Amino acid sequence: MRLDMGTGQSQTKSQKAQKQPQLQVCPDCSSDLVQPIAWEQVASSNDWRLWRRCPECEWHGDDVHRESVIDKYDEQLDFGTRELAEELRALQQSNMEEAVERFVGALQADLILPEDF
């Protein structure tokens, strides 16, 4: 537990964790799609300068963050990448099924002739 000298109130670890920046969240529009643009390690420290951009409202900014915060952001980005890849696979599967159904329907209705190939 930590005592905040300014307010005289104590903070638990969970309260401190909640105050860590959510780098994937836009400070302007609250979108959770904020993307890194560039990053560089700050000289002789474990801090990183990170440039970010929000695709929803075009906010952009940069700030220096501890490596532990960057690691959590990286985990969020990995999670988002996995979600997008899964959604893409599902969409491709659905599109392929629809194409096959249309092709089978055209074959059954004799709409495809040898001249079509």
PDB file of N, CA and C in Angstrom:
ATOM      1  N   MET A   1       0.845  -1.171   0.000  1.00  0.00           N
ATOM      2  CA  MET A   1       0.000   0.000   0.000  1.00  0.00           C
ATOM      3  C   MET A   1       0.892   1.235   0.000  1.00  0.00           C
ATOM      4  N   ARG A   2       0.453   2.290  -0.666  1.00  0.00           N
ATOM      5  CA  ARG A   2       1.223   3.510  -0.791  1.00  0.00           C
ATOM      6  C   ARG A   2       0.378   4.674  -0.283  1.00  0.00           C
ATOM      7  N   LEU A   3       0.993   5.583   0.432  1.00  0.00           N
ATOM      8  CA  LEU A   3       0.294   6.763   0.938  1.00  0.00           C
ATOM      9  C   LEU A   3       0.559   7.912  -0.009  1.00  0.00           C
ATOM     10  N   ASP A   4      -0.492   8.516  -0.519  1.00  0.00           N
ATOM     11  CA  ASP A   4      -0.372   9.675  -1.392  1.00  0.00           C
ATOM     12  C   ASP A   4      -0.239  10.902  -0.493  1.00  0.00           C
ATOM     13  N   MET A   5       0.936  11.522  -0.507  1.00  0.00           N
ATOM     14  CA  MET A   5       1.208  12.640   0.393  1.00  0.00           C
ATOM     15  C   MET A   5       0.337  13.858   0.079  1.00  0.00           C
ATOM     16  N   GLY A   6      -0.060  14.003  -1.176  1.00  0.00           N
ATOM     17  CA  GLY A   6      -0.884  15.158  -1.540  1.00  0.00           C
ATOM     18  C   GLY A   6      -2.272  15.094  -0.934  1.00  0.00           C
ATOM     19  N   THR A   7      -2.853  13.889  -0.889  1.00  0.00           N
ATOM     20  CA  THR A   7      -4.218  13.766  -0.398  1.00  0.00           C
ATOM     21  C   THR A   7      -4.283  13.092   0.957  1.00  0.00           C
ATOM     22  N   GLY A   8      -3.189  12.425   1.340  1.00  0.00           N
ATOM     23  CA  GLY A   8      -3.193  11.707   2.602  1.00  0.00           C
ATOM     24  C   GLY A   8      -3.951  10.400   2.523  1.00  0.00           C
ATOM     25  N   GLN A   9      -4.342   9.969   1.317  1.00  0.00           N
ATOM     26  CA  GLN A   9      -5.096   8.737   1.141  1.00  0.00           C
ATOM     27  C   GLN A   9      -4.158   7.632   0.675  1.00  0.00           C
ATOM     28  N   SER A  10      -4.475   6.419   1.087  1.00  0.00           N
ATOM     29  CA  SER A  10      -3.653   5.293   0.670  1.00  0.00           C
ATOM     30  C   SER A  10      -4.210   4.693  -0.606  1.00  0.00           C
ATOM     31  N   GLN A  11      -3.316   4.039  -1.376  1.00  0.00           N
ATOM     32  CA  GLN A  11      -3.708   3.396  -2.615  1.00  0.00           C
ATOM     33  C   GLN A  11      -3.262   1.941  -2.572  1.00  0.00           C
ATOM     34  N   THR A  12      -4.122   1.063  -2.976  1.00  0.00           N
ATOM     35  CA  THR A  12      -3.761  -0.340  -3.072  1.00  0.00           C
ATOM     36  C   THR A  12      -3.087  -0.582  -4.418  1.00  0.00           C
ATOM     37  N   LYS A  13      -2.505  -1.767  -4.583  1.00  0.00           N
ATOM     38  CA  LYS A  13      -1.865  -2.107  -5.847  1.00  0.00           C
ATOM     39  C   LYS A  13      -2.870  -2.124  -6.984  1.00  0.00           C
ATOM     40  N   SER A  14      -4.103  -2.599  -6.715  1.00  0.00           N
ATOM     41  CA  SER A  14      -5.108  -2.643  -7.780  1.00  0.00           C
ATOM     42  C   SER A  14      -5.511  -1.236  -8.215  1.00  0.00           C
ATOM     43  N   GLN A  15      -5.537  -0.291  -7.280  1.00  0.00           N
ATOM     44  CA  GLN A  15      -5.854   1.087  -7.654  1.00  0.00           C
ATOM     45  C   GLN A  15      -4.735   1.677  -8.498  1.00  0.00           C
ATOM     46  N   LYS A  16      -3.491   1.370  -8.147  1.00  0.00           N
ATOM     47  CA  LYS A  16      -2.363   1.863  -8.927  1.00  0.00           C
ATOM     48  C   LYS A  16      -2.377   1.239 -10.319  1.00  0.00           C
ATOM     49  N   ALA A  17      -2.728  -0.047 -10.407  1.00  0.00           N
ATOM     50  CA  ALA A  17      -2.770  -0.719 -11.702  1.00  0.00           C
ATOM     51  C   ALA A  17      -3.824  -0.091 -12.602  1.00  0.00           C
ATOM     52  N   GLN A  18      -4.942   0.339 -12.009  1.00  0.00           N
ATOM     53  CA  GLN A  18      -5.992   0.965 -12.801  1.00  0.00           C
ATOM     54  C   GLN A  18      -5.539   2.302 -13.368  1.00  0.00           C
ATOM     55  N   LYS A  19      -4.576   2.941 -12.725  1.00  0.00           N
ATOM     56  CA  LYS A  19      -4.104   4.240 -13.182  1.00  0.00           C
ATOM     57  C   LYS A  19      -3.061   4.122 -14.280  1.00  0.00           C
ATOM     58  N   GLN A  20      -2.565   2.897 -14.542  1.00  0.00           N
ATOM     59  CA  GLN A  20      -1.610   2.735 -15.623  1.00  0.00           C
ATOM     60  C   GLN A  20      -2.297   3.107 -16.930  1.00  0.00           C
ATOM     61  N   PRO A  21      -1.560   3.760 -17.812  1.00  0.00           N
ATOM     62  CA  PRO A  21      -2.187   4.190 -19.064  1.00  0.00           C
ATOM     63  C   PRO A  21      -2.647   3.009 -19.907  1.00  0.00           C
ATOM     64  N   GLN A  22      -3.788   3.165 -20.513  1.00  0.00           N
ATOM     65  CA  GLN A  22      -4.321   2.185 -21.455  1.00  0.00           C
ATOM     66  C   GLN A  22      -3.944   2.703 -22.851  1.00  0.00           C
ATOM     67  N   LEU A  23      -2.786   2.295 -23.332  1.00  0.00           N
ATOM     68  CA  LEU A  23      -2.243   2.874 -24.554  1.00  0.00           C
ATOM     69  C   LEU A  23      -3.084   2.570 -25.790  1.00  0.00           C
ATOM     70  N   GLN A  24      -3.916   1.534 -25.740  1.00  0.00           N
ATOM     71  CA  GLN A  24      -4.763   1.205 -26.879  1.00  0.00           C
ATOM     72  C   GLN A  24      -6.013   2.077 -26.932  1.00  0.00           C
ATOM     73  N   VAL A  25      -6.251   2.891 -25.893  1.00  0.00           N
ATOM     74  CA  VAL A  25      -7.453   3.727 -25.824  1.00  0.00           C
ATOM     75  C   VAL A  25      -7.098   5.169 -26.196  1.00  0.00           C
ATOM     76  N   CYS A  26      -7.882   5.738 -27.107  1.00  0.00           N
ATOM     77  CA  CYS A  26      -7.664   7.113 -27.558  1.00  0.00           C
ATOM     78  C   CYS A  26      -8.080   8.098 -26.466  1.00  0.00           C
ATOM     79  N   PRO A  27      -7.221   9.060 -26.144  1.00  0.00           N
ATOM     80  CA  PRO A  27      -7.581  10.057 -25.129  1.00  0.00           C
ATOM     81  C   PRO A  27      -8.660  11.040 -25.603  1.00  0.00           C
ATOM     82  N   ASP A  28      -8.882  11.128 -26.913  1.00  0.00           N
ATOM     83  CA  ASP A  28      -9.886  12.054 -27.438  1.00  0.00           C
ATOM     84  C   ASP A  28     -11.261  11.417 -27.609  1.00  0.00           C
ATOM     85  N   CYS A  29     -11.313  10.239 -28.264  1.00  0.00           N
ATOM     86  CA  CYS A  29     -12.622   9.651 -28.593  1.00  0.00           C
ATOM     87  C   CYS A  29     -12.898   8.335 -27.865  1.00  0.00           C
ATOM     88  N   SER A  30     -11.961   7.863 -27.060  1.00  0.00           N
ATOM     89  CA  SER A  30     -12.083   6.624 -26.271  1.00  0.00           C
ATOM     90  C   SER A  30     -12.132   5.350 -27.111  1.00  0.00           C
ATOM     91  N   SER A  31     -11.808   5.430 -28.386  1.00  0.00           N
ATOM     92  CA  SER A  31     -11.715   4.235 -29.214  1.00  0.00           C
ATOM     93  C   SER A  31     -10.597   3.353 -28.675  1.00  0.00           C
ATOM     94  N   ASP A  32     -10.774   2.037 -28.770  1.00  0.00           N
ATOM     95  CA  ASP A  32      -9.713   1.146 -28.300  1.00  0.00           C
ATOM     96  C   ASP A  32      -8.904   0.579 -29.470  1.00  0.00           C
ATOM     97  N   LEU A  33      -8.789   1.382 -30.527  1.00  0.00           N
ATOM     98  CA  LEU A  33      -8.063   0.960 -31.726  1.00  0.00           C
ATOM     99  C   LEU A  33      -6.779   1.745 -31.972  1.00  0.00           C
ATOM    100  N   VAL A  34      -6.254   2.410 -30.951  1.00  0.00           N
ATOM    101  CA  VAL A  34      -5.051   3.227 -31.125  1.00  0.00           C
ATOM    102  C   VAL A  34      -3.878   2.343 -31.519  1.00  0.00           C
ATOM    103  N   GLN A  35      -3.155   2.774 -32.552  1.00  0.00           N
ATOM    104  CA  GLN A  35      -2.077   1.983 -33.136  1.00  0.00           C
ATOM    105  C   GLN A  35      -0.734   2.687 -32.975  1.00  0.00           C
ATOM    106  N   PRO A  36       0.316   1.902 -32.790  1.00  0.00           N
ATOM    107  CA  PRO A  36       1.651   2.511 -32.737  1.00  0.00           C
ATOM    108  C   PRO A  36       2.094   2.918 -34.135  1.00  0.00           C
ATOM    109  N   ILE A  37       2.767   4.043 -34.218  1.00  0.00           N
ATOM    110  CA  ILE A  37       3.319   4.512 -35.489  1.00  0.00           C
ATOM    111  C   ILE A  37       4.824   4.258 -35.501  1.00  0.00           C
ATOM    112  N   ALA A  38       5.467   4.596 -34.392  1.00  0.00           N
ATOM    113  CA  ALA A  38       6.913   4.415 -34.264  1.00  0.00           C
ATOM    114  C   ALA A  38       7.265   4.363 -32.789  1.00  0.00           C
ATOM    115  N   TRP A  39       8.459   3.869 -32.513  1.00  0.00           N
ATOM    116  CA  TRP A  39       8.928   3.804 -31.128  1.00  0.00           C
ATOM    117  C   TRP A  39      10.440   3.807 -31.126  1.00  0.00           C
ATOM    118  N   GLU A  40      10.999   4.291 -30.037  1.00  0.00           N
ATOM    119  CA  GLU A  40      12.447   4.246 -29.852  1.00  0.00           C
ATOM    120  C   GLU A  40      12.745   4.205 -28.364  1.00  0.00           C
ATOM    121  N   GLN A  41      13.816   3.498 -28.029  1.00  0.00           N
ATOM    122  CA  GLN A  41      14.189   3.391 -26.633  1.00  0.00           C
ATOM    123  C   GLN A  41      14.874   4.678 -26.205  1.00  0.00           C
ATOM    124  N   VAL A  42      14.498   5.164 -25.030  1.00  0.00           N
ATOM    125  CA  VAL A  42      15.117   6.363 -24.485  1.00  0.00           C
ATOM    126  C   VAL A  42      16.514   5.972 -23.999  1.00  0.00           C
ATOM    127  N   ALA A  43      17.494   6.790 -24.302  1.00  0.00           N
ATOM    128  CA  ALA A  43      18.887   6.475 -24.001  1.00  0.00           C
ATOM    129  C   ALA A  43      19.091   6.070 -22.545  1.00  0.00           C
ATOM    130  N   SER A  44      19.824   4.994 -22.361  1.00  0.00           N
ATOM    131  CA  SER A  44      20.251   4.459 -21.056  1.00  0.00           C
ATOM    132  C   SER A  44      19.117   4.301 -20.040  1.00  0.00           C
ATOM    133  N   SER A  45      17.952   3.802 -20.516  1.00  0.00           N
ATOM    134  CA  SER A  45      16.861   3.530 -19.586  1.00  0.00           C
ATOM    135  C   SER A  45      15.976   2.430 -20.164  1.00  0.00           C
ATOM    136  N   ASN A  46      15.012   1.988 -19.385  1.00  0.00           N
ATOM    137  CA  ASN A  46      14.037   1.008 -19.854  1.00  0.00           C
ATOM    138  C   ASN A  46      12.765   1.682 -20.325  1.00  0.00           C
ATOM    139  N   ASP A  47      12.840   2.961 -20.598  1.00  0.00           N
ATOM    140  CA  ASP A  47      11.685   3.716 -21.079  1.00  0.00           C
ATOM    141  C   ASP A  47      11.702   3.758 -22.603  1.00  0.00           C
ATOM    142  N   TRP A  48      10.505   3.902 -23.150  1.00  0.00           N
ATOM    143  CA  TRP A  48      10.349   3.963 -24.601  1.00  0.00           C
ATOM    144  C   TRP A  48       9.499   5.168 -24.979  1.00  0.00           C
ATOM    145  N   ARG A  49       9.919   5.881 -26.002  1.00  0.00           N
ATOM    146  CA  ARG A  49       9.077   6.930 -26.583  1.00  0.00           C
ATOM    147  C   ARG A  49       8.226   6.242 -27.644  1.00  0.00           C
ATOM    148  N   LEU A  50       6.927   6.455 -27.548  1.00  0.00           N
ATOM    149  CA  LEU A  50       5.982   5.776 -28.425  1.00  0.00           C
ATOM    150  C   LEU A  50       5.108   6.811 -29.116  1.00  0.00           C
ATOM    151  N   TRP A  51       5.068   6.736 -30.440  1.00  0.00           N
ATOM    152  CA  TRP A  51       4.178   7.581 -31.230  1.00  0.00           C
ATOM    153  C   TRP A  51       2.971   6.731 -31.593  1.00  0.00           C
ATOM    154  N   ARG A  52       1.759   7.280 -31.352  1.00  0.00           N
ATOM    155  CA  ARG A  52       0.528   6.527 -31.596  1.00  0.00           C
ATOM    156  C   ARG A  52      -0.452   7.361 -32.395  1.00  0.00           C
ATOM    157  N   ARG A  53      -1.405   6.652 -33.017  1.00  0.00           N
ATOM    158  CA  ARG A  53      -2.424   7.296 -33.849  1.00  0.00           C
ATOM    159  C   ARG A  53      -3.751   6.561 -33.677  1.00  0.00           C
ATOM    160  N   CYS A  54      -4.828   7.332 -33.636  1.00  0.00           N
ATOM    161  CA  CYS A  54      -6.173   6.747 -33.568  1.00  0.00           C
ATOM    162  C   CYS A  54      -6.792   6.791 -34.967  1.00  0.00           C
ATOM    163  N   PRO A  55      -7.198   5.630 -35.507  1.00  0.00           N
ATOM    164  CA  PRO A  55      -7.804   5.622 -36.839  1.00  0.00           C
ATOM    165  C   PRO A  55      -9.235   6.150 -36.862  1.00  0.00           C
ATOM    166  N   GLU A  56      -9.852   6.282 -35.696  1.00  0.00           N
ATOM    167  CA  GLU A  56     -11.244   6.733 -35.636  1.00  0.00           C
ATOM    168  C   GLU A  56     -11.354   8.258 -35.733  1.00  0.00           C
ATOM    169  N   CYS A  57     -10.528   8.976 -34.958  1.00  0.00           N
ATOM    170  CA  CYS A  57     -10.649  10.444 -34.924  1.00  0.00           C
ATOM    171  C   CYS A  57      -9.380  11.148 -35.423  1.00  0.00           C
ATOM    172  N   GLU A  58      -8.385  10.363 -35.835  1.00  0.00           N
ATOM    173  CA  GLU A  58      -7.104  10.877 -36.342  1.00  0.00           C
ATOM    174  C   GLU A  58      -6.265  11.581 -35.271  1.00  0.00           C
ATOM    175  N   TRP A  59      -6.552  11.329 -33.982  1.00  0.00           N
ATOM    176  CA  TRP A  59      -5.682  11.835 -32.927  1.00  0.00           C
ATOM    177  C   TRP A  59      -4.305  11.190 -33.116  1.00  0.00           C
ATOM    178  N   HIS A  60      -3.282  11.941 -32.795  1.00  0.00           N
ATOM    179  CA  HIS A  60      -1.939  11.372 -32.775  1.00  0.00           C
ATOM    180  C   HIS A  60      -1.142  12.068 -31.681  1.00  0.00           C
ATOM    181  N   GLY A  61      -0.228  11.332 -31.100  1.00  0.00           N
ATOM    182  CA  GLY A  61       0.594  11.886 -30.034  1.00  0.00           C
ATOM    183  C   GLY A  61       1.745  10.963 -29.708  1.00  0.00           C
ATOM    184  N   ASP A  62       2.616  11.463 -28.860  1.00  0.00           N
ATOM    185  CA  ASP A  62       3.735  10.650 -28.414  1.00  0.00           C
ATOM    186  C   ASP A  62       3.997  10.932 -26.945  1.00  0.00           C
ATOM    187  N   ASP A  63       4.588   9.959 -26.296  1.00  0.00           N
ATOM    188  CA  ASP A  63       4.911  10.074 -24.879  1.00  0.00           C
ATOM    189  C   ASP A  63       5.933   8.999 -24.540  1.00  0.00           C
ATOM    190  N   VAL A  64       6.541   9.147 -23.387  1.00  0.00           N
ATOM    191  CA  VAL A  64       7.511   8.166 -22.904  1.00  0.00           C
ATOM    192  C   VAL A  64       6.825   7.295 -21.866  1.00  0.00           C
ATOM    193  N   HIS A  65       7.017   5.972 -22.000  1.00  0.00           N
ATOM    194  CA  HIS A  65       6.374   5.013 -21.110  1.00  0.00           C
ATOM    195  C   HIS A  65       7.387   3.993 -20.631  1.00  0.00           C
ATOM    196  N   ARG A  66       7.128   3.449 -19.450  1.00  0.00           N
ATOM    197  CA  ARG A  66       7.951   2.377 -18.892  1.00  0.00           C
ATOM    198  C   ARG A  66       7.823   1.133 -19.771  1.00  0.00           C
ATOM    199  N   GLU A  67       8.834   0.303 -19.753  1.00  0.00           N
ATOM    200  CA  GLU A  67       8.820  -0.908 -20.570  1.00  0.00           C
ATOM    201  C   GLU A  67       7.676  -1.844 -20.180  1.00  0.00           C
ATOM    202  N   SER A  68       7.322  -1.886 -18.897  1.00  0.00           N
ATOM    203  CA  SER A  68       6.219  -2.752 -18.462  1.00  0.00           C
ATOM    204  C   SER A  68       4.892  -2.308 -19.077  1.00  0.00           C
ATOM    205  N   VAL A  69       4.689  -1.010 -19.231  1.00  0.00           N
ATOM    206  CA  VAL A  69       3.464  -0.491 -19.848  1.00  0.00           C
ATOM    207  C   VAL A  69       3.461  -0.822 -21.345  1.00  0.00           C
ATOM    208  N   ILE A  70       4.620  -0.689 -21.974  1.00  0.00           N
ATOM    209  CA  ILE A  70       4.748  -1.025 -23.394  1.00  0.00           C
ATOM    210  C   ILE A  70       4.472  -2.511 -23.612  1.00  0.00           C
ATOM    211  N   ASP A  71       4.963  -3.354 -22.691  1.00  0.00           N
ATOM    212  CA  ASP A  71       4.734  -4.799 -22.808  1.00  0.00           C
ATOM    213  C   ASP A  71       3.240  -5.120 -22.751  1.00  0.00           C
ATOM    214  N   LYS A  72       2.504  -4.454 -21.875  1.00  0.00           N
ATOM    215  CA  LYS A  72       1.053  -4.675 -21.785  1.00  0.00           C
ATOM    216  C   LYS A  72       0.355  -4.204 -23.058  1.00  0.00           C
ATOM    217  N   TYR A  73       0.813  -3.085 -23.610  1.00  0.00           N
ATOM    218  CA  TYR A  73       0.262  -2.581 -24.866  1.00  0.00           C
ATOM    219  C   TYR A  73       0.538  -3.584 -25.989  1.00  0.00           C
ATOM    220  N   ASP A  74       1.744  -4.140 -26.013  1.00  0.00           N
ATOM    221  CA  ASP A  74       2.105  -5.130 -27.020  1.00  0.00           C
ATOM    222  C   ASP A  74       1.197  -6.358 -26.920  1.00  0.00           C
ATOM    223  N   GLU A  75       0.869  -6.776 -25.707  1.00  0.00           N
ATOM    224  CA  GLU A  75      -0.056  -7.899 -25.519  1.00  0.00           C
ATOM    225  C   GLU A  75      -1.437  -7.563 -26.081  1.00  0.00           C
ATOM    226  N   GLN A  76      -1.898  -6.334 -25.857  1.00  0.00           N
ATOM    227  CA  GLN A  76      -3.190  -5.907 -26.401  1.00  0.00           C
ATOM    228  C   GLN A  76      -3.162  -5.911 -27.931  1.00  0.00           C
ATOM    229  N   LEU A  77      -2.055  -5.455 -28.511  1.00  0.00           N
ATOM    230  CA  LEU A  77      -1.931  -5.454 -29.967  1.00  0.00           C
ATOM    231  C   LEU A  77      -1.929  -6.883 -30.512  1.00  0.00           C
ATOM    232  N   ASP A  78      -1.234  -7.782 -29.828  1.00  0.00           N
ATOM    233  CA  ASP A  78      -1.223  -9.191 -30.249  1.00  0.00           C
ATOM    234  C   ASP A  78      -2.625  -9.784 -30.185  1.00  0.00           C
ATOM    235  N   PHE A  79      -3.347  -9.477 -29.128  1.00  0.00           N
ATOM    236  CA  PHE A  79      -4.719  -9.965 -28.977  1.00  0.00           C
ATOM    237  C   PHE A  79      -5.587  -9.448 -30.135  1.00  0.00           C
ATOM    238  N   GLY A  80      -5.455  -8.166 -30.442  1.00  0.00           N
ATOM    239  CA  GLY A  80      -6.222  -7.573 -31.544  1.00  0.00           C
ATOM    240  C   GLY A  80      -5.870  -8.197 -32.878  1.00  0.00           C
ATOM    241  N   THR A  81      -4.598  -8.508 -33.077  1.00  0.00           N
ATOM    242  CA  THR A  81      -4.165  -9.152 -34.318  1.00  0.00           C
ATOM    243  C   THR A  81      -4.788 -10.530 -34.448  1.00  0.00           C
ATOM    244  N   ARG A  82      -4.800 -11.284 -33.349  1.00  0.00           N
ATOM    245  CA  ARG A  82      -5.431 -12.615 -33.369  1.00  0.00           C
ATOM    246  C   ARG A  82      -6.930 -12.509 -33.671  1.00  0.00           C
ATOM    247  N   GLU A  83      -7.598 -11.527 -33.062  1.00  0.00           N
ATOM    248  CA  GLU A  83      -9.040 -11.336 -33.321  1.00  0.00           C
ATOM    249  C   GLU A  83      -9.298 -11.019 -34.795  1.00  0.00           C
ATOM    250  N   LEU A  84      -8.475 -10.133 -35.369  1.00  0.00           N
ATOM    251  CA  LEU A  84      -8.642  -9.779 -36.783  1.00  0.00           C
ATOM    252  C   LEU A  84      -8.398 -10.982 -37.684  1.00  0.00           C
ATOM    253  N   ALA A  85      -7.368 -11.771 -37.378  1.00  0.00           N
ATOM    254  CA  ALA A  85      -7.064 -12.951 -38.190  1.00  0.00           C
ATOM    255  C   ALA A  85      -8.208 -13.964 -38.123  1.00  0.00           C
ATOM    256  N   GLU A  86      -8.771 -14.166 -36.934  1.00  0.00           N
ATOM    257  CA  GLU A  86      -9.901 -15.090 -36.790  1.00  0.00           C
ATOM    258  C   GLU A  86     -11.116 -14.591 -37.568  1.00  0.00           C
ATOM    259  N   GLU A  87     -11.380 -13.303 -37.492  1.00  0.00           N
ATOM    260  CA  GLU A  87     -12.513 -12.720 -38.224  1.00  0.00           C
ATOM    261  C   GLU A  87     -12.301 -12.843 -39.729  1.00  0.00           C
ATOM    262  N   LEU A  88     -11.073 -12.630 -40.184  1.00  0.00           N
ATOM    263  CA  LEU A  88     -10.763 -12.774 -41.609  1.00  0.00           C
ATOM    264  C   LEU A  88     -10.987 -14.209 -42.072  1.00  0.00           C
ATOM    265  N   ARG A  89     -10.519 -15.181 -41.292  1.00  0.00           N
ATOM    266  CA  ARG A  89     -10.724 -16.590 -41.656  1.00  0.00           C
ATOM    267  C   ARG A  89     -12.222 -16.924 -41.743  1.00  0.00           C
ATOM    268  N   ALA A  90     -12.999 -16.448 -40.797  1.00  0.00           N
ATOM    269  CA  ALA A  90     -14.441 -16.709 -40.804  1.00  0.00           C
ATOM    270  C   ALA A  90     -15.100 -16.062 -42.024  1.00  0.00           C
ATOM    271  N   LEU A  91     -14.692 -14.851 -42.368  1.00  0.00           N
ATOM    272  CA  LEU A  91     -15.244 -14.164 -43.534  1.00  0.00           C
ATOM    273  C   LEU A  91     -14.863 -14.888 -44.822  1.00  0.00           C
ATOM    274  N   GLN A  92     -13.617 -15.328 -44.928  1.00  0.00           N
ATOM    275  CA  GLN A  92     -13.187 -16.079 -46.108  1.00  0.00           C
ATOM    276  C   GLN A  92     -13.987 -17.376 -46.247  1.00  0.00           C
ATOM    277  N   GLN A  93     -14.189 -18.071 -45.144  1.00  0.00           N
ATOM    278  CA  GLN A  93     -14.956 -19.324 -45.152  1.00  0.00           C
ATOM    279  C   GLN A  93     -16.389 -19.068 -45.626  1.00  0.00           C
ATOM    280  N   SER A  94     -16.999 -18.029 -45.101  1.00  0.00           N
ATOM    281  CA  SER A  94     -18.366 -17.685 -45.478  1.00  0.00           C
ATOM    282  C   SER A  94     -18.452 -17.324 -46.967  1.00  0.00           C
ATOM    283  N   ASN A  95     -17.495 -16.527 -47.425  1.00  0.00           N
ATOM    284  CA  ASN A  95     -17.485 -16.139 -48.846  1.00  0.00           C
ATOM    285  C   ASN A  95     -17.299 -17.353 -49.751  1.00  0.00           C
ATOM    286  N   MET A  96     -16.416 -18.266 -49.348  1.00  0.00           N
ATOM    287  CA  MET A  96     -16.176 -19.465 -50.150  1.00  0.00           C
ATOM    288  C   MET A  96     -17.422 -20.348 -50.194  1.00  0.00           C
ATOM    289  N   GLU A  97     -18.093 -20.499 -49.067  1.00  0.00           N
ATOM    290  CA  GLU A  97     -19.323 -21.304 -49.031  1.00  0.00           C
ATOM    291  C   GLU A  97     -20.385 -20.720 -49.957  1.00  0.00           C
ATOM    292  N   GLU A  98     -20.530 -19.399 -49.942  1.00  0.00           N
ATOM    293  CA  GLU A  98     -21.506 -18.746 -50.823  1.00  0.00           C
ATOM    294  C   GLU A  98     -21.142 -18.946 -52.294  1.00  0.00           C
ATOM    295  N   ALA A  99     -19.851 -18.857 -52.627  1.00  0.00           N
ATOM    296  CA  ALA A  99     -19.413 -19.040 -54.012  1.00  0.00           C
ATOM    297  C   ALA A  99     -19.672 -20.473 -54.465  1.00  0.00           C
ATOM    298  N   VAL A 100     -19.394 -21.427 -53.593  1.00  0.00           N
ATOM    299  CA  VAL A 100     -19.630 -22.834 -53.932  1.00  0.00           C
ATOM    300  C   VAL A 100     -21.125 -23.073 -54.145  1.00  0.00           C
ATOM    301  N   GLU A 101     -21.966 -22.516 -53.284  1.00  0.00           N
ATOM    302  CA  GLU A 101     -23.421 -22.687 -53.433  1.00  0.00           C
ATOM    303  C   GLU A 101     -23.914 -22.101 -54.758  1.00  0.00           C
ATOM    304  N   ARG A 102     -23.399 -20.938 -55.131  1.00  0.00           N
ATOM    305  CA  ARG A 102     -23.794 -20.327 -56.409  1.00  0.00           C
ATOM    306  C   ARG A 102     -23.331 -21.184 -57.584  1.00  0.00           C
ATOM    307  N   PHE A 103     -22.113 -21.715 -57.494  1.00  0.00           N
ATOM    308  CA  PHE A 103     -21.572 -22.547 -58.561  1.00  0.00           C
ATOM    309  C   PHE A 103     -22.383 -23.837 -58.711  1.00  0.00           C
ATOM    310  N   VAL A 104     -22.683 -24.490 -57.590  1.00  0.00           N
ATOM    311  CA  VAL A 104     -23.484 -25.718 -57.615  1.00  0.00           C
ATOM    312  C   VAL A 104     -24.868 -25.424 -58.198  1.00  0.00           C
ATOM    313  N   GLY A 105     -25.465 -24.313 -57.791  1.00  0.00           N
ATOM    314  CA  GLY A 105     -26.777 -23.932 -58.330  1.00  0.00           C
ATOM    315  C   GLY A 105     -26.723 -23.710 -59.829  1.00  0.00           C
ATOM    316  N   ALA A 106     -25.653 -23.071 -60.298  1.00  0.00           N
ATOM    317  CA  ALA A 106     -25.509 -22.836 -61.738  1.00  0.00           C
ATOM    318  C   ALA A 106     -25.304 -24.153 -62.478  1.00  0.00           C
ATOM    319  N   LEU A 107     -24.545 -25.080 -61.900  1.00  0.00           N
ATOM    320  CA  LEU A 107     -24.353 -26.399 -62.521  1.00  0.00           C
ATOM    321  C   LEU A 107     -25.682 -27.157 -62.617  1.00  0.00           C
ATOM    322  N   GLN A 108     -26.430 -27.147 -61.534  1.00  0.00           N
ATOM    323  CA  GLN A 108     -27.703 -27.867 -61.503  1.00  0.00           C
ATOM    324  C   GLN A 108     -28.720 -27.270 -62.471  1.00  0.00           C
ATOM    325  N   ALA A 109     -28.643 -25.991 -62.725  1.00  0.00           N
ATOM    326  CA  ALA A 109     -29.585 -25.328 -63.640  1.00  0.00           C
ATOM    327  C   ALA A 109     -29.059 -25.320 -65.079  1.00  0.00           C
ATOM    328  N   ASP A 110     -27.964 -26.027 -65.315  1.00  0.00           N
ATOM    329  CA  ASP A 110     -27.345 -26.087 -66.654  1.00  0.00           C
ATOM    330  C   ASP A 110     -27.005 -24.700 -67.203  1.00  0.00           C
ATOM    331  N   LEU A 111     -26.575 -23.819 -66.304  1.00  0.00           N
ATOM    332  CA  LEU A 111     -26.180 -22.470 -66.722  1.00  0.00           C
ATOM    333  C   LEU A 111     -24.704 -22.381 -67.086  1.00  0.00           C
ATOM    334  N   ILE A 112     -23.963 -23.443 -66.831  1.00  0.00           N
ATOM    335  CA  ILE A 112     -22.544 -23.445 -67.149  1.00  0.00           C
ATOM    336  C   ILE A 112     -22.337 -24.441 -68.289  1.00  0.00           C
ATOM    337  N   LEU A 113     -21.784 -23.929 -69.364  1.00  0.00           N
ATOM    338  CA  LEU A 113     -21.574 -24.729 -70.593  1.00  0.00           C
ATOM    339  C   LEU A 113     -20.086 -24.981 -70.808  1.00  0.00           C
ATOM    340  N   PRO A 114     -19.747 -25.957 -71.646  1.00  0.00           N
ATOM    341  CA  PRO A 114     -18.322 -26.212 -71.936  1.00  0.00           C
ATOM    342  C   PRO A 114     -17.619 -24.966 -72.493  1.00  0.00           C
ATOM    343  N   GLU A 115     -18.354 -24.115 -73.151  1.00  0.00           N
ATOM    344  CA  GLU A 115     -17.745 -22.891 -73.723  1.00  0.00           C
ATOM    345  C   GLU A 115     -17.315 -21.899 -72.642  1.00  0.00           C
ATOM    346  N   ASP A 116     -17.838 -22.102 -71.444  1.00  0.00           N
ATOM    347  CA  ASP A 116     -17.491 -21.191 -70.353  1.00  0.00           C
ATOM    348  C   ASP A 116     -16.070 -21.424 -69.844  1.00  0.00           C
ATOM    349  N   PHE A 117     -15.454 -22.539 -70.289  1.00  0.00           N
ATOM    350  CA  PHE A 117     -14.093 -22.849 -69.796  1.00  0.00           C
ATOM    351  C   PHE A 117     -13.080 -22.717 -70.858  1.00  0.00           C
TER     352      PHE A 117
END
